[in-house]
PDB file of N, CA and C in Angstrom:
ATOM      1  N   ARG A   1      38.988   2.227  -3.023  1.00  0.00           N
ATOM      2  CA  ARG A   1      38.380   3.047  -3.493  1.00  0.00           C
ATOM      3  C   ARG A   1      39.009   4.438  -4.117  1.00  0.00           C
ATOM      4  N   LEU A   2      40.500   4.639  -3.542  1.00  0.00           N
ATOM      5  CA  LEU A   2      41.132   5.901  -3.912  1.00  0.00           C
ATOM      6  C   LEU A   2      41.256   6.318  -5.886  1.00  0.00           C
ATOM      7  N   LEU A   3      41.648   5.013  -6.379  1.00  0.00           N
ATOM      8  CA  LEU A   3      41.194   4.970  -7.310  1.00  0.00           C
ATOM      9  C   LEU A   3      40.205   5.842  -8.297  1.00  0.00           C
ATOM     10  N   LEU A   4      39.007   4.993  -7.641  1.00  0.00           N
ATOM     11  CA  LEU A   4      37.813   5.156  -8.424  1.00  0.00           C
ATOM     12  C   LEU A   4      37.173   7.021  -7.380  1.00  0.00           C
ATOM     13  N   ALA A   5      37.706   7.171  -6.831  1.00  0.00           N
ATOM     14  CA  ALA A   5      37.641   8.465  -6.470  1.00  0.00           C
ATOM     15  C   ALA A   5      38.194   9.201  -7.379  1.00  0.00           C
ATOM     16  N   VAL A   6      39.635   8.785  -7.316  1.00  0.00           N
ATOM     17  CA  VAL A   6      40.316  10.043  -8.263  1.00  0.00           C
ATOM     18  C   VAL A   6      39.472  10.212  -9.854  1.00  0.00           C
ATOM     19  N   LEU A   7      39.337   8.952 -10.303  1.00  0.00           N
ATOM     20  CA  LEU A   7      38.447   8.624 -11.238  1.00  0.00           C
ATOM     21  C   LEU A   7      37.261   9.649 -11.682  1.00  0.00           C
ATOM     22  N   GLY A   8      36.315   9.328 -10.870  1.00  0.00           N
ATOM     23  CA  GLY A   8      35.045   9.807 -10.088  1.00  0.00           C
ATOM     24  C   GLY A   8      34.986  11.308 -10.653  1.00  0.00           C
ATOM     25  N   PHE A   9      35.852  11.956  -9.444  1.00  0.00           N
ATOM     26  CA  PHE A   9      35.961  13.423  -9.241  1.00  0.00           C
ATOM     27  C   PHE A   9      36.747  14.479 -10.858  1.00  0.00           C
ATOM     28  N   MET A  10      37.543  13.492 -11.298  1.00  0.00           N
ATOM     29  CA  MET A  10      38.384  14.001 -12.192  1.00  0.00           C
ATOM     30  C   MET A  10      37.162  14.303 -13.637  1.00  0.00           C
ATOM     31  N   CYS A  11      36.551  13.428 -13.457  1.00  0.00           N
ATOM     32  CA  CYS A  11      35.355  13.284 -14.708  1.00  0.00           C
ATOM     33  C   CYS A  11      36.289  12.824 -15.911  1.00  0.00           C
ATOM     34  N   GLU A  12      36.728  11.904 -16.151  1.00  0.00           N
ATOM     35  CA  GLU A  12      38.047  11.429 -17.448  1.00  0.00           C
ATOM     36  C   GLU A  12      36.652  11.859 -18.132  1.00  0.00           C
ATOM     37  N   GLY A  13      37.203  12.064 -19.587  1.00  0.00           N
ATOM     38  CA  GLY A  13      36.544  12.112 -20.789  1.00  0.00           C
ATOM     39  C   GLY A  13      36.453  13.841 -21.252  1.00  0.00           C
ATOM     40  N   ALA A  14      35.316  13.546 -21.788  1.00  0.00           N
ATOM     41  CA  ALA A  14      34.689  14.749 -22.637  1.00  0.00           C
ATOM     42  C   ALA A  14      33.495  15.161 -21.717  1.00  0.00           C
ATOM     43  N   CYS A  15      33.587  15.723 -20.518  1.00  0.00           N
ATOM     44  CA  CYS A  15      32.887  16.352 -19.550  1.00  0.00           C
ATOM     45  C   CYS A  15      32.648  17.489 -19.420  1.00  0.00           C
ATOM     46  N   PRO A  16      31.169  18.251 -19.837  1.00  0.00           N
ATOM     47  CA  PRO A  16      30.914  19.438 -19.761  1.00  0.00           C
ATOM     48  C   PRO A  16      31.396  19.680 -18.233  1.00  0.00           C
ATOM     49  N   PRO A  17      32.074  21.010 -17.965  1.00  0.00           N
ATOM     50  CA  PRO A  17      31.945  21.642 -16.957  1.00  0.00           C
ATOM     51  C   PRO A  17      31.457  21.523 -15.706  1.00  0.00           C
ATOM     52  N   MET A  18      30.008  21.767 -16.361  1.00  0.00           N
ATOM     53  CA  MET A  18      28.896  22.347 -15.503  1.00  0.00           C
ATOM     54  C   MET A  18      28.479  20.457 -14.820  1.00  0.00           C
ATOM     55  N   LEU A  19      28.805  19.399 -15.413  1.00  0.00           N
ATOM     56  CA  LEU A  19      28.960  18.360 -14.586  1.00  0.00           C
ATOM     57  C   LEU A  19      29.429  17.625 -13.583  1.00  0.00           C
ATOM     58  N   ARG A  20      31.079  18.436 -14.098  1.00  0.00           N
ATOM     59  CA  ARG A  20      32.239  18.028 -13.659  1.00  0.00           C
ATOM     60  C   ARG A  20      31.596  18.514 -11.808  1.00  0.00           C
ATOM     61  N   ALA A  21      31.570  19.944 -12.092  1.00  0.00           N
ATOM     62  CA  ALA A  21      31.296  20.741 -10.760  1.00  0.00           C
ATOM     63  C   ALA A  21      29.841  19.901 -10.308  1.00  0.00           C
ATOM     64  N   ASN A  22      28.895  19.366 -10.451  1.00  0.00           N
ATOM     65  CA  ASN A  22      28.143  18.533  -9.963  1.00  0.00           C
ATOM     66  C   ASN A  22      28.401  17.602  -9.372  1.00  0.00           C
ATOM     67  N   VAL A  23      29.200  16.891 -10.224  1.00  0.00           N
ATOM     68  CA  VAL A  23      29.564  15.919  -9.248  1.00  0.00           C
ATOM     69  C   VAL A  23      31.131  16.226  -7.856  1.00  0.00           C
ATOM     70  N   VAL A  24      31.507  16.823  -8.237  1.00  0.00           N
ATOM     71  CA  VAL A  24      32.916  17.469  -6.984  1.00  0.00           C
ATOM     72  C   VAL A  24      31.395  18.112  -6.005  1.00  0.00           C
ATOM     73  N   ALA A  25      30.491  18.578  -6.182  1.00  0.00           N
ATOM     74  CA  ALA A  25      29.393  19.733  -5.153  1.00  0.00           C
ATOM     75  C   ALA A  25      28.899  18.624  -4.411  1.00  0.00           C
ATOM     76  N   ARG A  26      27.770  17.711  -5.442  1.00  0.00           N
ATOM     77  CA  ARG A  26      27.224  16.650  -4.456  1.00  0.00           C
ATOM     78  C   ARG A  26      28.235  15.498  -4.002  1.00  0.00           C
ATOM     79  N   GLY A  27      29.597  15.087  -4.724  1.00  0.00           N
ATOM     80  CA  GLY A  27      30.087  13.914  -3.853  1.00  0.00           C
ATOM     81  C   GLY A  27      30.261  13.424  -2.516  1.00  0.00           C
ATOM     82  N   PRO A  28      30.560  14.422  -1.653  1.00  0.00           N
ATOM     83  CA  PRO A  28      30.863  14.200  -0.538  1.00  0.00           C
ATOM     84  C   PRO A  28      29.479  13.758   0.082  1.00  0.00           C
ATOM     85  N   HIS A  29      28.427  14.463  -0.385  1.00  0.00           N
ATOM     86  CA  HIS A  29      27.676  13.843   0.146  1.00  0.00           C
ATOM     87  C   HIS A  29      26.596  12.922  -0.125  1.00  0.00           C
ATOM     88  N   LEU A  30      27.189  11.864  -0.707  1.00  0.00           N
ATOM     89  CA  LEU A  30      27.337  10.237  -0.791  1.00  0.00           C
ATOM     90  C   LEU A  30      27.705   9.471   0.043  1.00  0.00           C
ATOM     91  N   PRO A  31      26.853   8.428   0.636  1.00  0.00           N
ATOM     92  CA  PRO A  31      27.757   7.878   1.506  1.00  0.00           C
ATOM     93  C   PRO A  31      28.949   7.053   1.112  1.00  0.00           C
ATOM     94  N   LEU A  32      29.367   6.800  -0.107  1.00  0.00           N
ATOM     95  CA  LEU A  32      30.415   6.176  -0.494  1.00  0.00           C
ATOM     96  C   LEU A  32      31.463   7.203  -0.059  1.00  0.00           C
ATOM     97  N   TRP A  33      31.414   8.082  -0.293  1.00  0.00           N
ATOM     98  CA  TRP A  33      32.418   9.594  -0.188  1.00  0.00           C
ATOM     99  C   TRP A  33      31.884  10.954   0.812  1.00  0.00           C
ATOM    100  N   GLN A  34      31.524  10.620   1.988  1.00  0.00           N
ATOM    101  CA  GLN A  34      30.776  11.278   2.913  1.00  0.00           C
ATOM    102  C   GLN A  34      32.483  11.815   3.780  1.00  0.00           C
ATOM    103  N   GLY A  35      32.339  12.891   4.132  1.00  0.00           N
ATOM    104  CA  GLY A  35      32.728  13.776   4.927  1.00  0.00           C
ATOM    105  C   GLY A  35      34.431  13.701   3.614  1.00  0.00           C
ATOM    106  N   LEU A  36      34.321  13.102   2.404  1.00  0.00           N
ATOM    107  CA  LEU A  36      35.155  13.484   1.449  1.00  0.00           C
ATOM    108  C   LEU A  36      35.661  14.993   0.959  1.00  0.00           C
ATOM    109  N   THR A  37      36.562  15.462   0.717  1.00  0.00           N
ATOM    110  CA  THR A  37      36.606  16.540  -0.098  1.00  0.00           C
ATOM    111  C   THR A  37      37.552  16.533  -1.753  1.00  0.00           C
ATOM    112  N   PRO A  38      36.639  16.477  -2.264  1.00  0.00           N
ATOM    113  CA  PRO A  38      37.146  16.341  -3.921  1.00  0.00           C
ATOM    114  C   PRO A  38      38.436  16.980  -3.758  1.00  0.00           C
ATOM    115  N   HIS A  39      38.225  18.194  -3.812  1.00  0.00           N
ATOM    116  CA  HIS A  39      39.761  19.200  -4.390  1.00  0.00           C
ATOM    117  C   HIS A  39      40.713  18.730  -3.395  1.00  0.00           C
ATOM    118  N   VAL A  40      40.542  18.280  -2.124  1.00  0.00           N
ATOM    119  CA  VAL A  40      41.847  18.169  -1.526  1.00  0.00           C
ATOM    120  C   VAL A  40      42.210  16.668  -1.542  1.00  0.00           C
ATOM    121  N   LEU A  41      41.332  15.722  -2.110  1.00  0.00           N
ATOM    122  CA  LEU A  41      41.626  14.467  -2.289  1.00  0.00           C
ATOM    123  C   LEU A  41      42.515  14.812  -3.756  1.00  0.00           C
ATOM    124  N   LEU A  42      41.958  15.363  -4.759  1.00  0.00           N
ATOM    125  CA  LEU A  42      42.638  15.648  -5.744  1.00  0.00           C
ATOM    126  C   LEU A  42      44.533  16.351  -5.865  1.00  0.00           C
ATOM    127  N   ARG A  43      44.281  17.047  -5.127  1.00  0.00           N
ATOM    128  CA  ARG A  43      45.494  17.846  -4.976  1.00  0.00           C
ATOM    129  C   ARG A  43      46.253  16.821  -4.081  1.00  0.00           C
ATOM    130  N   ASP A  44      46.063  16.062  -2.614  1.00  0.00           N
ATOM    131  CA  ASP A  44      47.017  15.425  -2.322  1.00  0.00           C
ATOM    132  C   ASP A  44      47.488  14.170  -3.081  1.00  0.00           C
ATOM    133  N   PHE A  45      46.632  13.779  -4.355  1.00  0.00           N
ATOM    134  CA  PHE A  45      46.884  12.562  -5.139  1.00  0.00           C
ATOM    135  C   PHE A  45      47.995  12.999  -5.879  1.00  0.00           C
ATOM    136  N   PHE A  46      47.617  14.172  -6.690  1.00  0.00           N
ATOM    137  CA  PHE A  46      48.653  14.344  -7.997  1.00  0.00           C
ATOM    138  C   PHE A  46      49.604  15.650  -7.668  1.00  0.00           C
ATOM    139  N   ASP A  47      49.561  15.945  -6.708  1.00  0.00           N
ATOM    140  CA  ASP A  47      50.718  17.280  -6.149  1.00  0.00           C
ATOM    141  C   ASP A  47      51.849  16.436  -5.254  1.00  0.00           C
ATOM    142  N   ALA A  48      51.503  15.250  -4.418  1.00  0.00           N
ATOM    143  CA  ALA A  48      52.450  14.834  -3.749  1.00  0.00           C
ATOM    144  C   ALA A  48      52.134  13.308  -4.134  1.00  0.00           C
ATOM    145  N   ASP A  49      53.747  12.247  -4.026  1.00  0.00           N
ATOM    146  CA  ASP A  49      53.807  10.924  -4.068  1.00  0.00           C
ATOM    147  C   ASP A  49      53.173  10.058  -2.872  1.00  0.00           C
ATOM    148  N   GLU A  50      53.001  10.999  -1.974  1.00  0.00           N
ATOM    149  CA  GLU A  50      52.643   9.492  -0.532  1.00  0.00           C
ATOM    150  C   GLU A  50      51.427   8.433  -1.514  1.00  0.00           C
ATOM    151  N   LEU A  51      50.215   9.040  -1.761  1.00  0.00           N
ATOM    152  CA  LEU A  51      49.381   8.414  -2.187  1.00  0.00           C
ATOM    153  C   LEU A  51      49.396   7.293  -3.502  1.00  0.00           C
ATOM    154  N   LEU A  52      50.233   8.102  -4.382  1.00  0.00           N
ATOM    155  CA  LEU A  52      50.224   7.414  -5.642  1.00  0.00           C
ATOM    156  C   LEU A  52      51.102   5.844  -4.967  1.00  0.00           C
ATOM    157  N   SER A  53      52.187   6.317  -4.558  1.00  0.00           N
ATOM    158  CA  SER A  53      53.417   4.961  -3.910  1.00  0.00           C
ATOM    159  C   SER A  53      52.983   4.228  -2.997  1.00  0.00           C
ATOM    160  N   LEU A  54      51.839   4.336  -2.863  1.00  0.00           N
ATOM    161  CA  LEU A  54      50.959   2.937  -2.065  1.00  0.00           C
ATOM    162  C   LEU A  54      50.987   1.716  -3.276  1.00  0.00           C
ATOM    163  N   TYR A  55      50.424   2.296  -4.575  1.00  0.00           N
ATOM    164  CA  TYR A  55      50.209   1.466  -5.488  1.00  0.00           C
ATOM    165  C   TYR A  55      51.541   0.658  -6.000  1.00  0.00           C
ATOM    166  N   GLY A  56      52.821   1.133  -5.586  1.00  0.00           N
ATOM    167  CA  GLY A  56      54.345   0.252  -5.374  1.00  0.00           C
ATOM    168  C   GLY A  56      54.722  -0.377  -4.625  1.00  0.00           C
ATOM    169  N   GLU A  57      53.747  -0.692  -3.725  1.00  0.00           N
ATOM    170  CA  GLU A  57      54.501  -1.699  -2.310  1.00  0.00           C
ATOM    171  C   GLU A  57      53.985  -3.481  -2.772  1.00  0.00           C
ATOM    172  N   GLU A  58      54.581  -3.670  -2.733  1.00  0.00           N
ATOM    173  CA  GLU A  58      54.818  -5.513  -2.743  1.00  0.00           C
ATOM    174  C   GLU A  58      52.926  -5.994  -1.862  1.00  0.00           C
ATOM    175  N   SER A  59      53.143  -5.366  -0.806  1.00  0.00           N
ATOM    176  CA  SER A  59      51.500  -5.670  -0.496  1.00  0.00           C
ATOM    177  C   SER A  59      50.411  -5.720  -0.948  1.00  0.00           C
ATOM    178  N   MET A  60      50.138  -4.639  -2.002  1.00  0.00           N
ATOM    179  CA  MET A  60      49.639  -4.098  -3.320  1.00  0.00           C
ATOM    180  C   MET A  60      49.364  -5.218  -4.261  1.00  0.00           C
ATOM    181  N   ARG A  61      50.335  -5.967  -3.964  1.00  0.00           N
ATOM    182  CA  ARG A  61      50.218  -7.055  -5.434  1.00  0.00           C
ATOM    183  C   ARG A  61      49.769  -8.005  -4.647  1.00  0.00           C
ATOM    184  N   GLU A  62      50.432  -8.586  -3.697  1.00  0.00           N
ATOM    185  CA  GLU A  62      50.027  -9.402  -2.934  1.00  0.00           C
ATOM    186  C   GLU A  62      48.206  -9.535  -2.589  1.00  0.00           C
ATOM    187  N   ALA A  63      47.394  -8.338  -2.346  1.00  0.00           N
ATOM    188  CA  ALA A  63      46.584  -7.983  -2.150  1.00  0.00           C
ATOM    189  C   ALA A  63      45.670  -8.546  -3.608  1.00  0.00           C
ATOM    190  N   PHE A  64      46.441  -7.963  -5.080  1.00  0.00           N
ATOM    191  CA  PHE A  64      45.687  -8.017  -6.402  1.00  0.00           C
ATOM    192  C   PHE A  64      46.221  -9.931  -6.399  1.00  0.00           C
ATOM    193  N   ASP A  65      46.816 -10.097  -6.322  1.00  0.00           N
ATOM    194  CA  ASP A  65      47.226 -12.072  -6.583  1.00  0.00           C
ATOM    195  C   ASP A  65      46.403 -12.570  -5.931  1.00  0.00           C
ATOM    196  N   ALA A  66      45.881 -12.370  -4.922  1.00  0.00           N
ATOM    197  CA  ALA A  66      44.413 -12.946  -3.779  1.00  0.00           C
ATOM    198  C   ALA A  66      43.068 -12.394  -4.139  1.00  0.00           C
ATOM    199  N   ALA A  67      42.972 -11.693  -5.051  1.00  0.00           N
ATOM    200  CA  ALA A  67      41.500 -11.127  -5.742  1.00  0.00           C
ATOM    201  C   ALA A  67      41.003 -11.767  -6.827  1.00  0.00           C
ATOM    202  N   ALA A  68      39.898 -11.828  -6.719  1.00  0.00           N
ATOM    203  CA  ALA A  68      39.438 -13.109  -8.091  1.00  0.00           C
ATOM    204  C   ALA A  68      39.793 -12.256  -9.641  1.00  0.00           C
ATOM    205  N   PRO A  69      40.108 -12.790 -10.476  1.00  0.00           N
ATOM    206  CA  PRO A  69      40.021 -11.824 -11.865  1.00  0.00           C
ATOM    207  C   PRO A  69      39.334 -10.930 -12.248  1.00  0.00           C
ATOM    208  N   ALA A  70      37.957 -10.825 -12.223  1.00  0.00           N
ATOM    209  CA  ALA A  70      37.423  -9.621 -12.134  1.00  0.00           C
ATOM    210  C   ALA A  70      37.698  -8.428 -11.495  1.00  0.00           C
ATOM    211  N   SER A  71      38.387  -8.639 -10.295  1.00  0.00           N
ATOM    212  CA  SER A  71      38.369  -7.639  -9.642  1.00  0.00           C
ATOM    213  C   SER A  71      40.208  -7.219 -10.472  1.00  0.00           C
ATOM    214  N   GLN A  72      40.904  -7.971 -10.455  1.00  0.00           N
ATOM    215  CA  GLN A  72      42.114  -7.874 -11.098  1.00  0.00           C
ATOM    216  C   GLN A  72      42.122  -6.842 -12.278  1.00  0.00           C
ATOM    217  N   GLY A  73      41.031  -7.325 -13.097  1.00  0.00           N
ATOM    218  CA  GLY A  73      40.903  -6.591 -14.287  1.00  0.00           C
ATOM    219  C   GLY A  73      40.030  -5.360 -13.895  1.00  0.00           C
ATOM    220  N   HIS A  74      39.546  -4.620 -13.146  1.00  0.00           N
ATOM    221  CA  HIS A  74      39.214  -3.757 -12.493  1.00  0.00           C
ATOM    222  C   HIS A  74      40.153  -2.713 -12.230  1.00  0.00           C
ATOM    223  N   PHE A  75      41.012  -3.399 -11.541  1.00  0.00           N
ATOM    224  CA  PHE A  75      42.064  -2.782 -10.685  1.00  0.00           C
ATOM    225  C   PHE A  75      43.621  -2.397 -12.023  1.00  0.00           C
ATOM    226  N   VAL A  76      43.456  -3.344 -12.455  1.00  0.00           N
ATOM    227  CA  VAL A  76      44.446  -2.599 -13.747  1.00  0.00           C
ATOM    228  C   VAL A  76      44.026  -1.491 -14.511  1.00  0.00           C
ATOM    229  N   THR A  77      42.112  -1.672 -15.356  1.00  0.00           N
ATOM    230  CA  THR A  77      42.121  -0.922 -15.731  1.00  0.00           C
ATOM    231  C   THR A  77      41.655   0.637 -14.980  1.00  0.00           C
ATOM    232  N   MET A  78      41.485   0.475 -13.785  1.00  0.00           N
ATOM    233  CA  MET A  78      41.680   1.585 -12.875  1.00  0.00           C
ATOM    234  C   MET A  78      42.652   2.650 -13.285  1.00  0.00           C
ATOM    235  N   LEU A  79      43.934   2.064 -12.784  1.00  0.00           N
ATOM    236  CA  LEU A  79      45.300   2.080 -12.939  1.00  0.00           C
ATOM    237  C   LEU A  79      45.256   3.157 -14.026  1.00  0.00           C
ATOM    238  N   SER A  80      45.502   2.040 -15.413  1.00  0.00           N
ATOM    239  CA  SER A  80      45.651   2.566 -16.567  1.00  0.00           C
ATOM    240  C   SER A  80      44.888   4.018 -16.496  1.00  0.00           C
ATOM    241  N   ARG A  81      43.888   4.124 -16.616  1.00  0.00           N
ATOM    242  CA  ARG A  81      43.054   5.191 -16.584  1.00  0.00           C
ATOM    243  C   ARG A  81      43.198   6.608 -15.730  1.00  0.00           C
ATOM    244  N   VAL A  82      43.725   6.313 -14.755  1.00  0.00           N
ATOM    245  CA  VAL A  82      44.780   7.015 -13.922  1.00  0.00           C
ATOM    246  C   VAL A  82      45.837   7.647 -14.195  1.00  0.00           C
ATOM    247  N   ALA A  83      46.658   6.897 -14.946  1.00  0.00           N
ATOM    248  CA  ALA A  83      48.163   7.239 -15.570  1.00  0.00           C
ATOM    249  C   ALA A  83      47.542   8.263 -16.831  1.00  0.00           C
ATOM    250  N   PHE A  84      46.727   7.583 -17.711  1.00  0.00           N
ATOM    251  CA  PHE A  84      46.406   8.213 -18.522  1.00  0.00           C
ATOM    252  C   PHE A  84      46.173   9.753 -17.987  1.00  0.00           C
ATOM    253  N   ILE A  85      44.779   9.963 -17.438  1.00  0.00           N
ATOM    254  CA  ILE A  85      44.789  11.539 -16.495  1.00  0.00           C
ATOM    255  C   ILE A  85      46.029  12.312 -16.250  1.00  0.00           C
ATOM    256  N   GLU A  86      47.062  11.621 -15.643  1.00  0.00           N
ATOM    257  CA  GLU A  86      48.020  12.098 -15.013  1.00  0.00           C
ATOM    258  C   GLU A  86      48.767  13.015 -16.338  1.00  0.00           C
ATOM    259  N   ALA A  87      48.787  12.180 -17.228  1.00  0.00           N
ATOM    260  CA  ALA A  87      50.003  12.328 -18.068  1.00  0.00           C
ATOM    261  C   ALA A  87      48.947  13.554 -18.956  1.00  0.00           C
ATOM    262  N   ALA A  88      47.958  13.723 -18.854  1.00  0.00           N
ATOM    263  CA  ALA A  88      46.741  14.616 -19.845  1.00  0.00           C
ATOM    264  C   ALA A  88      46.733  15.824 -18.906  1.00  0.00           C
ATOM    265  N   ARG A  89      47.097  15.975 -17.621  1.00  0.00           N
ATOM    266  CA  ARG A  89      47.035  17.176 -17.166  1.00  0.00           C
ATOM    267  C   ARG A  89      47.587  18.369 -17.732  1.00  0.00           C
ATOM    268  N   PRO A  90      47.257  19.365 -17.333  1.00  0.00           N
ATOM    269  CA  PRO A  90      48.004  20.676 -17.852  1.00  0.00           C
ATOM    270  C   PRO A  90      48.621  20.720 -17.041  1.00  0.00           C
ATOM    271  N   GLY A  91      50.284  20.888 -17.713  1.00  0.00           N
ATOM    272  CA  GLY A  91      51.360  21.247 -16.706  1.00  0.00           C
ATOM    273  C   GLY A  91      51.961  19.885 -16.716  1.00  0.00           C
ATOM    274  N   SER A  92      51.567  18.988 -17.011  1.00  0.00           N
ATOM    275  CA  SER A  92      52.437  17.561 -17.386  1.00  0.00           C
ATOM    276  C   SER A  92      53.565  17.563 -17.712  1.00  0.00           C
ATOM    277  N   GLY A  93      53.373  18.266 -18.773  1.00  0.00           N
ATOM    278  CA  GLY A  93      54.335  17.925 -20.129  1.00  0.00           C
ATOM    279  C   GLY A  93      53.768  16.679 -20.807  1.00  0.00           C
ATOM    280  N   ARG A  94      52.919  16.147 -20.642  1.00  0.00           N
ATOM    281  CA  ARG A  94      52.542  14.537 -21.032  1.00  0.00           C
ATOM    282  C   ARG A  94      53.494  13.493 -20.452  1.00  0.00           C
ATOM    283  N   CYS A  95      53.857  13.717 -19.036  1.00  0.00           N
ATOM    284  CA  CYS A  95      54.703  12.928 -18.380  1.00  0.00           C
ATOM    285  C   CYS A  95      54.235  12.128 -17.046  1.00  0.00           C
ATOM    286  N   LEU A  96      54.404  10.881 -16.834  1.00  0.00           N
ATOM    287  CA  LEU A  96      54.394  10.951 -15.174  1.00  0.00           C
ATOM    288  C   LEU A  96      55.186  10.685 -14.220  1.00  0.00           C
ATOM    289  N   ARG A  97      54.788  10.928 -12.737  1.00  0.00           N
ATOM    290  CA  ARG A  97      55.595  10.927 -11.952  1.00  0.00           C
ATOM    291  C   ARG A  97      56.097   9.546 -11.795  1.00  0.00           C
ATOM    292  N   ALA A  98      57.366   9.794 -11.090  1.00  0.00           N
ATOM    293  CA  ALA A  98      58.287   8.670 -11.047  1.00  0.00           C
ATOM    294  C   ALA A  98      57.681   7.272 -10.252  1.00  0.00           C
ATOM    295  N   PRO A  99      57.319   7.512  -9.197  1.00  0.00           N
ATOM    296  CA  PRO A  99      56.522   6.298  -9.043  1.00  0.00           C
ATOM    297  C   PRO A  99      55.884   5.243  -9.723  1.00  0.00           C
ATOM    298  N   TRP A 100      55.046   5.823 -10.845  1.00  0.00           N
ATOM    299  CA  TRP A 100      54.678   5.099 -11.887  1.00  0.00           C
ATOM    300  C   TRP A 100      55.467   3.964 -12.674  1.00  0.00           C
ATOM    301  N   GLN A 101      56.827   4.219 -12.615  1.00  0.00           N
ATOM    302  CA  GLN A 101      57.995   3.553 -13.141  1.00  0.00           C
ATOM    303  C   GLN A 101      57.804   1.973 -12.277  1.00  0.00           C
ATOM    304  N   GLY A 102      57.394   2.227 -10.548  1.00  0.00           N
ATOM    305  CA  GLY A 102      57.747   1.075  -9.856  1.00  0.00           C
ATOM    306  C   GLY A 102      56.213   0.143 -10.208  1.00  0.00           C
ATOM    307  N   ILE A 103      55.095   0.996 -10.045  1.00  0.00           N
ATOM    308  CA  ILE A 103      53.779   0.724 -10.229  1.00  0.00           C
ATOM    309  C   ILE A 103      53.773  -0.214 -11.638  1.00  0.00           C
ATOM    310  N   PHE A 104      53.931   0.312 -12.871  1.00  0.00           N
ATOM    311  CA  PHE A 104      54.243  -0.302 -13.531  1.00  0.00           C
ATOM    312  C   PHE A 104      54.881  -1.401 -13.813  1.00  0.00           C
ATOM    313  N   GLN A 105      56.046  -1.299 -13.225  1.00  0.00           N
ATOM    314  CA  GLN A 105      56.911  -3.161 -12.765  1.00  0.00           C
ATOM    315  C   GLN A 105      55.910  -4.126 -12.150  1.00  0.00           C
ATOM    316  N   LEU A 106      55.640  -3.516 -11.271  1.00  0.00           N
ATOM    317  CA  LEU A 106      54.647  -4.533 -10.135  1.00  0.00           C
ATOM    318  C   LEU A 106      53.326  -5.026 -10.597  1.00  0.00           C
ATOM    319  N   PHE A 107      52.875  -4.538 -11.878  1.00  0.00           N
ATOM    320  CA  PHE A 107      51.681  -4.703 -12.520  1.00  0.00           C
ATOM    321  C   PHE A 107      52.150  -4.727 -14.077  1.00  0.00           C
ATOM    322  N   PRO A 108      52.232  -5.142 -14.240  1.00  0.00           N
ATOM    323  CA  PRO A 108      52.701  -5.439 -15.839  1.00  0.00           C
ATOM    324  C   PRO A 108      51.273  -5.738 -16.458  1.00  0.00           C
ATOM    325  N   GLU A 109      50.297  -6.008 -16.017  1.00  0.00           N
ATOM    326  CA  GLU A 109      49.464  -6.392 -17.371  1.00  0.00           C
ATOM    327  C   GLU A 109      49.290  -5.693 -17.558  1.00  0.00           C
TER     328      GLU A 109
END
């Protein structure tokens, strides 16, 4: 759900600022994201490595291998989309943080 939250609150792609503001304002009131503060989640995800590093752990790969093929496809797709968003963020220099190297080695799909 973390990757889904990051993708949803970042509103990847060509998203009008008004729509993104609406998602960020209303998201915490939805049952799935209740009590979550989008700006805090995004700051914690992009400005620190702790949350991202979870995806580079062997236990994540074990859970991935045990999942249904469709779920595996969704997970790998979300990982790649989040990596693309990170590389496109202003100030990133189109570079990814160091934990991504381990994640891509763990999930070469």
